[in-house]
């Protein structure tokens, strides 16, 4: 059985989609799963043993381009028994339709009744988590999902990891704290930079080194953290934000002994690498897309105005983040590390 997955457009969502792939392989052990997704997602998909091939989708996020989608669909004709469409947009269902795949599965959304022939109506009470909404598409309609749920797990190639360490002149002679201070969603997800610097200073004092990860937009944040550290500590701080590609970031995150992160795509990557993880939540909630790992501490204040799910604070104060002091994160981090050492 050959299955085509139309993949999501965000890092965290792609990581969580692995739960669907796991469910499909559990049901159909011999099935072959290909994922049509943007090229940026290839390093994630290549680290998922359930995926046979990551197929390049050349169109940018939001681009309609029906002609290009038709051409992609025609190129995939007679190759798949089923397509599962994870995004809820109409345009995301066009390629399987043009490919004339006999079974085209997805949730109802954006008037795509003609494009999907195994269309599902979402019961949010039955499937409150995003992974549940992904996993449910592997089964017949209304299926009660069996617990415990599978957790994403990315497999690292040791040779690629060693190459990444050499490229950035990194050593593993001290414990590594990884910081992920960015979030593409917006400022209302970003814990204050100076608080990250406090956590970094504490761990370097304890004999650790600190590596910062993120996009090129996060590089200035990493430099600010560096400059907030005492001069004698800065040699143990490495700002990798915007310096690595995604493949290198994944391989280097796998070296970390612990991670502190905002609610972001890298949070889900770190969880899928099974790293002890402190996740800081402000405007969003762990009730829908929590990090899926056993070694996780969620730190949030739960103010009356949060979660608001806004990109910027509608009141301008960002209290859900600013009032969340570094000591709370340091305490959660220390407990995770102590448990890891005991086990």
Protein backbone atom coordinates (compact mmCIF):
# COMPACT_ATOMS: atom_id res chain seq x y z
CA UNK A 1 0.00 0.00 0.00
CA UNK A 2 1.44 3.36 -1.06
CA UNK A 3 0.29 6.43 0.85
CA UNK A 4 0.90 10.07 -0.03
CA UNK A 5 0.82 12.59 2.81
CA UNK A 6 0.28 16.27 2.06
CA UNK A 7 2.40 17.69 4.85
CA UNK A 8 1.93 20.76 7.03
CA UNK A 9 3.82 24.02 6.58
CA UNK A 10 5.32 24.52 10.05
CA UNK A 11 8.25 22.82 11.79
CA UNK A 12 6.34 21.81 14.92
CA UNK A 13 3.39 20.48 12.94
CA UNK A 14 5.68 18.38 10.75
CA UNK A 15 7.29 16.84 13.82
CA UNK A 16 3.89 16.04 15.32
CA UNK A 17 2.74 14.52 12.01
CA UNK A 18 5.07 11.61 12.73
CA UNK A 19 2.38 10.26 15.07
CA UNK A 20 0.18 9.75 11.99
CA UNK A 21 2.97 7.95 10.16
CA UNK A 22 3.44 5.66 13.16
CA UNK A 23 -0.27 4.84 13.25
CA UNK A 24 -0.29 4.05 9.54
CA UNK A 25 2.69 1.72 9.88
CA UNK A 26 1.06 0.02 12.88
CA UNK A 27 -2.06 -0.68 10.83
CA UNK A 28 -0.25 -1.47 7.58
CA UNK A 29 3.27 -2.67 8.46
CA UNK A 30 4.27 -2.95 4.80
CA UNK A 31 2.89 0.40 3.66
CA UNK A 32 5.15 2.93 1.97
CA UNK A 33 4.72 6.55 3.09
CA UNK A 34 5.85 9.51 1.00
CA UNK A 35 5.38 13.10 2.18
CA UNK A 36 4.85 16.01 -0.20
CA UNK A 37 6.14 19.06 1.65
CA UNK A 38 8.36 22.16 1.32
CA UNK A 39 12.08 21.49 0.95
CA UNK A 40 12.85 22.98 4.37
CA UNK A 41 11.11 19.98 5.97
CA UNK A 42 13.40 17.39 4.36
CA UNK A 43 15.85 17.22 7.32
CA UNK A 44 12.94 16.38 9.63
CA UNK A 45 11.41 13.78 7.33
CA UNK A 46 14.79 12.14 6.65
CA UNK A 47 15.07 11.48 10.39
CA UNK A 48 11.71 9.66 10.52
CA UNK A 49 12.15 5.94 9.76
CA UNK A 50 8.48 5.63 8.77
CA UNK A 51 8.94 7.90 5.74
CA UNK A 52 10.19 6.38 2.49
CA UNK A 53 10.68 9.64 0.61
CA UNK A 54 10.29 13.38 1.10
CA UNK A 55 8.83 14.77 -2.12
CA UNK A 56 9.68 18.37 -2.92
CA UNK A 57 6.76 20.79 -3.04
CA UNK A 58 8.12 23.92 -4.77
CA UNK A 59 5.31 26.40 -4.02
CA UNK A 60 5.63 28.86 -1.15
CA UNK A 61 3.23 28.97 1.78
CA UNK A 62 -0.06 30.51 0.63
CA UNK A 63 0.64 30.26 -3.12
CA UNK A 64 -2.31 28.92 -5.11
CA UNK A 65 -0.83 28.36 -8.61
CA UNK A 66 -3.37 25.81 -9.83
CA UNK A 67 -1.32 25.07 -12.95
CA UNK A 68 1.74 24.03 -10.92
CA UNK A 69 -0.39 21.93 -8.57
CA UNK A 70 -1.97 20.20 -11.56
CA UNK A 71 1.46 19.40 -13.00
CA UNK A 72 2.62 17.94 -9.68
CA UNK A 73 -0.57 15.91 -9.42
CA UNK A 74 -0.27 14.52 -12.93
CA UNK A 75 3.33 13.49 -12.20
CA UNK A 76 2.07 11.40 -9.25
CA UNK A 77 -0.72 9.54 -11.08
CA UNK A 78 -0.93 5.77 -10.62
CA UNK A 79 1.58 5.80 -7.75
CA UNK A 80 -0.61 5.89 -4.62
CA UNK A 81 -3.55 4.02 -3.12
CA UNK A 82 -4.45 6.77 -0.64
CA UNK A 83 -3.67 10.42 0.02
CA UNK A 84 -4.04 12.02 3.45
CA UNK A 85 -4.21 15.81 3.46
CA UNK A 86 -3.11 17.38 6.75
CA UNK A 87 -3.65 21.12 6.05
CA UNK A 88 -7.30 22.20 6.04
CA UNK A 89 -7.05 24.49 3.01
CA UNK A 90 -8.72 23.89 -0.35
CA UNK A 91 -5.47 24.30 -2.28
CA UNK A 92 -3.74 21.60 -0.24
CA UNK A 93 -6.24 19.03 -1.57
CA UNK A 94 -5.65 19.87 -5.24
CA UNK A 95 -2.57 17.70 -5.88
CA UNK A 96 -4.20 14.39 -4.75
CA UNK A 97 -7.28 15.31 -6.81
CA UNK A 98 -5.23 15.96 -9.94
CA UNK A 99 -3.26 12.76 -9.24
CA UNK A 100 -6.60 10.86 -9.28
CA UNK A 101 -5.68 8.98 -6.12
CA UNK A 102 -8.62 6.69 -5.40
CA UNK A 103 -8.94 7.48 -1.67
CA UNK A 104 -8.39 11.08 -0.59
CA UNK A 105 -8.72 11.63 3.15
CA UNK A 106 -8.89 14.86 5.14
CA UNK A 107 -10.90 17.03 7.50
CA UNK A 108 -13.73 19.14 6.17
CA UNK A 109 -12.56 22.69 5.44
CA UNK A 110 -12.69 25.45 2.81
CA UNK A 111 -15.43 23.83 0.68
CA UNK A 112 -13.32 20.96 -0.63
CA UNK A 113 -16.09 18.35 -0.88
CA UNK A 114 -15.31 17.69 -4.55
CA UNK A 115 -11.59 17.27 -3.91
CA UNK A 116 -11.76 14.76 -1.04
CA UNK A 117 -13.84 11.58 -1.11
CA UNK A 118 -13.07 10.40 2.44
CA UNK A 119 -13.97 13.64 4.16
CA UNK A 120 -14.20 13.86 7.95
CA UNK A 121 -16.12 16.26 10.19
CA UNK A 122 -13.98 17.20 13.17
CA UNK A 123 -15.32 16.57 16.67
CA UNK A 124 -13.08 18.82 18.75
CA UNK A 125 -14.28 17.21 21.98
CA UNK A 126 -13.25 13.77 20.73
CA UNK A 127 -9.93 14.97 19.30
CA UNK A 128 -8.78 18.04 21.29
CA UNK A 129 -5.06 17.62 20.54
CA UNK A 130 -3.48 18.32 17.17
CA UNK A 131 -1.78 14.90 17.18
CA UNK A 132 -5.18 13.29 17.73
CA UNK A 133 -6.48 15.09 14.65
CA UNK A 134 -3.51 13.80 12.67
CA UNK A 135 -3.71 10.26 14.04
CA UNK A 136 -7.47 9.95 13.51
CA UNK A 137 -6.96 10.22 9.75
CA UNK A 138 -5.18 6.87 9.82
CA UNK A 139 -8.36 5.14 10.99
CA UNK A 140 -12.05 4.84 10.04
CA UNK A 141 -14.32 7.72 10.98
CA UNK A 142 -15.07 8.15 14.70
CA UNK A 143 -12.30 5.83 15.86
CA UNK A 144 -11.50 6.03 19.59
CA UNK A 145 -7.74 6.33 19.67
CA UNK A 146 -5.82 3.89 21.81
CA UNK A 147 -3.47 5.16 24.51
CA UNK A 148 -0.66 5.56 25.14
CA UNK A 149 -0.18 7.70 22.06
CA UNK A 150 3.00 7.34 20.04
CA UNK A 151 5.55 10.11 20.49
CA UNK A 152 7.62 11.62 17.68
CA UNK A 153 11.16 10.32 17.67
CA UNK A 154 13.84 11.64 15.32
CA UNK A 155 16.76 9.34 14.52
CA UNK A 156 20.20 10.98 14.35
CA UNK A 157 23.02 9.92 12.04
CA UNK A 158 26.19 9.98 14.21
CA UNK A 159 28.39 10.83 11.21
CA UNK A 160 26.28 13.89 10.32
CA UNK A 161 26.33 14.91 13.96
CA UNK A 162 30.11 14.72 14.16
CA UNK A 163 30.37 16.73 10.96
CA UNK A 164 28.15 19.46 12.43
CA UNK A 165 30.25 19.58 15.60
CA UNK A 166 33.40 19.96 13.52
CA UNK A 167 31.88 22.63 11.28
CA UNK A 168 31.14 24.91 14.23
CA UNK A 169 34.21 23.93 16.29
CA UNK A 170 32.07 22.63 19.14
CA UNK A 171 33.15 20.28 21.91
CA UNK A 172 31.12 18.06 24.23
CA UNK A 173 33.62 18.31 27.10
CA UNK A 174 31.08 20.14 29.28
CA UNK A 175 27.34 19.63 29.76
CA UNK A 176 25.34 21.53 27.14
CA UNK A 177 22.31 23.71 27.74
CA UNK A 178 20.47 24.55 24.52
CA UNK A 179 18.42 27.75 24.41
CA UNK A 180 15.73 28.37 21.77
CA UNK A 181 14.67 31.97 22.45
CA UNK A 182 12.83 32.60 19.17
CA UNK A 183 9.29 31.96 17.93
CA UNK A 184 8.12 32.73 14.40
CA UNK A 185 4.54 33.20 15.64
CA UNK A 186 5.30 36.54 17.30
CA UNK A 187 6.48 38.47 20.36
CA UNK A 188 3.74 37.07 22.61
CA UNK A 189 5.54 33.71 22.55
CA UNK A 190 8.98 35.08 23.40
CA UNK A 191 10.21 34.95 26.97
CA UNK A 192 12.36 38.05 27.68
CA UNK A 193 15.93 37.85 26.40
CA UNK A 194 17.38 39.02 29.70
CA UNK A 195 15.68 36.08 31.44
CA UNK A 196 17.34 33.66 29.05
CA UNK A 197 20.63 35.36 29.89
CA UNK A 198 20.03 34.75 33.61
CA UNK A 199 19.46 31.04 33.00
CA UNK A 200 22.56 30.88 30.81
CA UNK A 201 24.66 32.64 33.45
CA UNK A 202 23.49 30.22 36.14
CA UNK A 203 24.36 27.12 34.14
CA UNK A 204 27.76 28.44 32.99
CA UNK A 205 28.54 29.19 36.65
CA UNK A 206 27.78 25.53 37.34
CA UNK A 207 30.29 24.42 34.69
CA UNK A 208 28.02 24.08 31.68
CA UNK A 209 28.29 25.55 28.19
CA UNK A 210 25.34 27.17 26.41
CA UNK A 211 24.35 26.87 22.74
CA UNK A 212 21.62 29.07 21.27
CA UNK A 213 19.52 27.92 18.32
CA UNK A 214 17.06 29.60 15.99
CA UNK A 215 16.63 31.33 12.65
CA UNK A 216 18.67 34.24 11.31
CA UNK A 217 16.07 36.52 12.94
CA UNK A 218 17.14 35.12 16.31
CA UNK A 219 20.86 35.79 15.86
CA UNK A 220 20.62 39.31 17.41
CA UNK A 221 18.80 37.79 20.39
CA UNK A 222 21.67 35.36 20.85
CA UNK A 223 24.17 38.22 20.71
CA UNK A 224 22.19 40.14 23.31
CA UNK A 225 22.30 37.11 25.61
CA UNK A 226 26.05 36.87 25.08
CA UNK A 227 26.57 40.55 25.90
CA UNK A 228 24.50 40.25 29.08
CA UNK A 229 26.80 37.54 30.39
CA UNK A 230 29.89 38.40 32.48
CA UNK A 231 32.95 38.70 30.25
CA UNK A 232 34.62 35.64 31.72
CA UNK A 233 31.58 33.50 30.83
CA UNK A 234 31.20 34.49 27.21
CA UNK A 235 33.74 31.94 25.98
CA UNK A 236 31.30 29.22 27.06
CA UNK A 237 28.43 30.68 25.03
CA UNK A 238 27.89 29.77 21.37
CA UNK A 239 25.34 31.62 19.27
CA UNK A 240 24.31 29.19 16.53
CA UNK A 241 21.05 30.96 15.66
CA UNK A 242 20.97 31.61 11.93
CA UNK A 243 24.35 29.93 11.49
CA UNK A 244 23.15 26.35 11.09
CA UNK A 245 20.74 24.89 8.59
CA UNK A 246 17.85 22.86 9.99
CA UNK A 247 19.66 19.55 9.58
CA UNK A 248 22.64 20.81 11.58
CA UNK A 249 20.36 22.34 14.22
CA UNK A 250 18.62 19.00 14.73
CA UNK A 251 21.89 17.09 14.98
CA UNK A 252 23.40 19.61 17.41
CA UNK A 253 20.26 19.83 19.56
CA UNK A 254 20.62 16.07 19.97
CA UNK A 255 23.93 16.75 21.76
CA UNK A 256 22.28 18.86 24.46
CA UNK A 257 21.88 17.69 28.04
CA UNK A 258 18.88 19.98 28.52
CA UNK A 259 16.85 22.54 26.58
CA UNK A 260 14.98 25.74 27.51
CA UNK A 261 12.66 26.99 24.82
CA UNK A 262 9.65 29.06 23.92
CA UNK A 263 6.59 27.40 22.37
CA UNK A 264 8.14 26.98 18.92
CA UNK A 265 9.02 24.51 16.22
CA UNK A 266 12.37 23.80 17.86
CA UNK A 267 10.50 22.93 21.06
CA UNK A 268 8.88 20.04 19.20
CA UNK A 269 12.21 19.05 17.65
CA UNK A 270 13.86 18.94 21.08
CA UNK A 271 10.98 16.87 22.45
CA UNK A 272 11.31 14.43 19.53
CA UNK A 273 14.99 14.10 20.42
CA UNK A 274 13.91 13.16 23.96
CA UNK A 275 15.89 15.94 25.61
CA UNK A 276 15.05 17.14 29.15
CA UNK A 277 13.01 20.17 28.19
CA UNK A 278 11.63 23.26 29.91
CA UNK A 279 8.97 24.88 27.73
CA UNK A 280 7.91 28.46 28.51
CA UNK A 281 4.35 29.39 27.53
CA UNK A 282 2.91 32.90 27.33
CA UNK A 283 0.09 33.69 24.91
CA UNK A 284 -0.43 30.07 23.87
CA UNK A 285 -1.47 26.90 25.67
CA UNK A 286 0.01 23.41 26.03
CA UNK A 287 -3.52 22.01 25.83
CA UNK A 288 -3.45 21.80 22.00
CA UNK A 289 0.16 21.29 20.91
CA UNK A 290 2.22 20.24 23.95
CA UNK A 291 5.79 19.00 23.58
CA UNK A 292 5.54 15.22 23.32
CA UNK A 293 8.20 13.76 25.59
CA UNK A 294 8.48 12.19 29.03
CA UNK A 295 11.12 14.69 30.24
CA UNK A 296 9.17 17.94 29.97
CA UNK A 297 8.37 20.73 32.40
CA UNK A 298 5.77 23.27 31.28
CA UNK A 299 6.25 26.68 32.88
CA UNK A 300 3.42 29.20 32.58
CA UNK A 301 1.61 31.65 34.84
CA UNK A 302 -1.96 31.10 33.66
CA UNK A 303 -2.97 34.75 34.01
CA UNK A 304 -6.60 35.69 33.40
CA UNK A 305 -5.67 37.20 30.03
CA UNK A 306 -3.87 34.10 28.78
CA UNK A 307 -3.90 32.09 26.66
CA UNK A 308 -5.04 34.72 24.17
CA UNK A 309 -3.32 33.18 21.12
CA UNK A 310 -2.38 36.66 19.88
CA UNK A 311 0.90 37.39 18.12
CA UNK A 312 1.37 40.57 20.16
CA UNK A 313 -0.05 41.48 23.56
CA UNK A 314 -3.38 43.25 23.13
CA UNK A 315 -2.72 45.14 26.38
CA UNK A 316 0.91 45.92 25.62
CA UNK A 317 2.29 44.61 28.92
CA UNK A 318 3.23 40.98 28.07
CA UNK A 319 2.76 40.10 31.73
CA UNK A 320 2.28 36.41 30.94
CA UNK A 321 5.98 36.41 30.03
CA UNK A 322 7.51 39.30 31.95
CA UNK A 323 6.10 38.14 35.30
CA UNK A 324 7.45 34.65 34.72
CA UNK A 325 10.76 35.07 36.51
CA UNK A 326 13.98 33.18 35.64
CA UNK A 327 13.96 31.44 39.02
CA UNK A 328 10.86 29.47 38.00
CA UNK A 329 12.58 28.15 34.89
CA UNK A 330 15.85 27.46 36.73
CA UNK A 331 13.97 25.46 39.35
CA UNK A 332 12.11 23.42 36.74
CA UNK A 333 15.36 22.82 34.85
CA UNK A 334 17.22 21.67 37.96
CA UNK A 335 14.46 19.20 38.83
CA UNK A 336 14.54 17.70 35.33
CA UNK A 337 18.32 17.37 35.42
CA UNK A 338 18.26 15.79 38.89
CA UNK A 339 15.69 13.22 37.77
CA UNK A 340 17.72 12.44 34.65
CA UNK A 341 20.87 11.92 36.73
CA UNK A 342 19.03 9.64 39.19
CA UNK A 343 17.60 7.53 36.37
